[in-house]
Amino acid sequence: MNPAIRHVGDIWNGRVRLSRLLWREMLVFGTAINLCAMTLTLTLAGLNAPTPWVLLAWLACWPMNAFLCISVWHTAGVQRHPLVLSLVAPPLATIWLIVVSVL
């Protein structure tokens, strides 16, 4: 099986440590991908690209963002980890989702 597909399955099934999922996957990689999508969106808008292309570039990350946020909530509920992390991670993931969705 493809390692990338297996990794996505591990994230979805709660087999990735919550700290890694929150900090590395969501806040670092997820934010970087969203910044790239925002740059593409602004570039397309600046070049007067057709509106559907601009909207597509802006909305392209939303499924990944929802996946990561839901995965953090799920992983926080099924793994054993420090209490502080389990209390902070889900609300932080929700705030992150709102912020990157607005950008």
Protein backbone atom coordinates (compact mmCIF):
# COMPACT_ATOMS: atom_id res chain seq x y z
CA MET A 1 0.00 0.00 0.00
CA ASN A 2 1.14 3.53 -0.74
CA PRO A 3 2.78 5.08 2.38
CA ALA A 4 0.86 8.35 1.95
CA ILE A 5 -2.49 6.54 1.84
CA ARG A 6 -1.49 4.43 4.84
CA HIS A 7 -0.52 7.59 6.75
CA VAL A 8 -3.90 9.19 6.02
CA GLY A 9 -5.56 5.98 7.26
CA ASP A 10 -3.45 6.07 10.41
CA ILE A 11 -4.47 9.68 11.04
CA TRP A 12 -8.15 8.89 10.48
CA ASN A 13 -8.07 5.82 12.74
CA GLY A 14 -6.29 7.59 15.60
CA ARG A 15 -3.00 5.71 15.29
CA VAL A 16 -0.88 8.88 15.04
CA ARG A 17 0.14 10.48 18.34
CA LEU A 18 -2.07 13.44 19.19
CA SER A 19 0.90 15.74 19.74
CA ARG A 20 2.31 14.90 16.30
CA LEU A 21 -1.09 15.26 14.65
CA LEU A 22 -1.75 18.62 16.27
CA TRP A 23 1.64 20.29 15.97
CA ARG A 24 3.22 18.74 12.89
CA GLU A 25 0.39 17.64 10.65
CA MET A 26 -2.14 20.36 11.39
CA LEU A 27 -0.33 23.47 12.57
CA VAL A 28 2.85 23.16 10.46
CA PHE A 29 1.96 21.29 7.28
CA GLY A 30 -1.71 22.22 7.20
CA THR A 31 -0.94 25.90 7.70
CA ALA A 32 1.79 25.81 5.04
CA ILE A 33 -0.58 24.24 2.51
CA ASN A 34 -3.25 26.82 3.36
CA LEU A 35 -0.76 29.66 2.90
CA CYS A 36 0.16 28.28 -0.53
CA ALA A 37 -3.52 28.07 -1.46
CA MET A 38 -4.06 31.63 -0.24
CA THR A 39 -1.11 32.83 -2.33
CA LEU A 40 -2.52 31.06 -5.38
CA THR A 41 -5.97 32.54 -4.75
CA LEU A 42 -4.62 36.07 -4.43
CA THR A 43 -2.43 35.62 -7.50
CA LEU A 44 -5.37 34.41 -9.57
CA ALA A 45 -7.52 37.27 -8.32
CA GLY A 46 -4.75 39.75 -9.12
CA LEU A 47 -4.48 38.36 -12.64
CA ASN A 48 -8.25 38.75 -13.12
CA ALA A 49 -8.73 35.02 -13.55
CA PRO A 50 -12.29 33.76 -13.94
CA THR A 51 -14.16 33.78 -10.64
CA PRO A 52 -14.73 29.98 -10.57
CA TRP A 53 -10.95 29.42 -10.69
CA VAL A 54 -10.38 31.84 -7.82
CA LEU A 55 -13.11 30.16 -5.75
CA LEU A 56 -11.73 26.73 -6.56
CA ALA A 57 -8.26 27.76 -5.38
CA TRP A 58 -9.74 29.20 -2.18
CA LEU A 59 -11.95 26.19 -1.41
CA ALA A 60 -9.40 23.50 -2.37
CA CYS A 61 -8.01 23.11 1.17
CA TRP A 62 -11.32 22.96 3.01
CA PRO A 63 -11.71 19.15 2.84
CA MET A 64 -8.16 18.67 4.20
CA ASN A 65 -8.81 21.23 6.94
CA ALA A 66 -12.00 19.48 8.02
CA PHE A 67 -10.24 16.10 7.91
CA LEU A 68 -7.43 17.32 10.18
CA CYS A 69 -9.78 19.00 12.65
CA ILE A 70 -12.06 15.97 12.91
CA SER A 71 -9.02 13.70 13.25
CA VAL A 72 -7.71 15.74 16.18
CA TRP A 73 -11.07 15.51 17.93
CA HIS A 74 -11.26 11.77 17.27
CA THR A 75 -7.66 11.08 18.33
CA ALA A 76 -8.12 13.11 21.52
CA GLY A 77 -10.99 10.80 22.43
CA VAL A 78 -9.33 7.45 21.72
CA GLN A 79 -5.69 7.81 22.78
CA ARG A 80 -4.06 7.98 26.17
CA HIS A 81 -2.15 11.22 26.46
CA PRO A 82 -1.58 14.03 28.95
CA LEU A 83 -4.82 15.55 30.21
CA VAL A 84 -3.76 19.07 29.25
CA LEU A 85 -3.19 18.03 25.63
CA SER A 86 -6.55 16.26 25.45
CA LEU A 87 -8.30 19.37 26.78
CA VAL A 88 -6.43 21.90 24.63
CA ALA A 89 -6.09 20.06 21.30
CA PRO A 90 -9.75 19.89 20.17
CA PRO A 91 -10.59 23.57 20.79
CA LEU A 92 -7.25 24.60 19.26
CA ALA A 93 -8.04 22.51 16.18
CA THR A 94 -11.43 24.19 15.88
CA ILE A 95 -9.93 27.67 16.20
CA TRP A 96 -7.31 26.74 13.58
CA LEU A 97 -10.05 25.48 11.25
CA ILE A 98 -11.98 28.73 11.55
CA VAL A 99 -8.89 30.90 11.02
CA VAL A 100 -7.59 29.06 7.95
CA SER A 101 -11.07 28.85 6.46
CA VAL A 102 -11.50 32.61 6.66
CA LEU A 103 -8.07 33.37 5.15
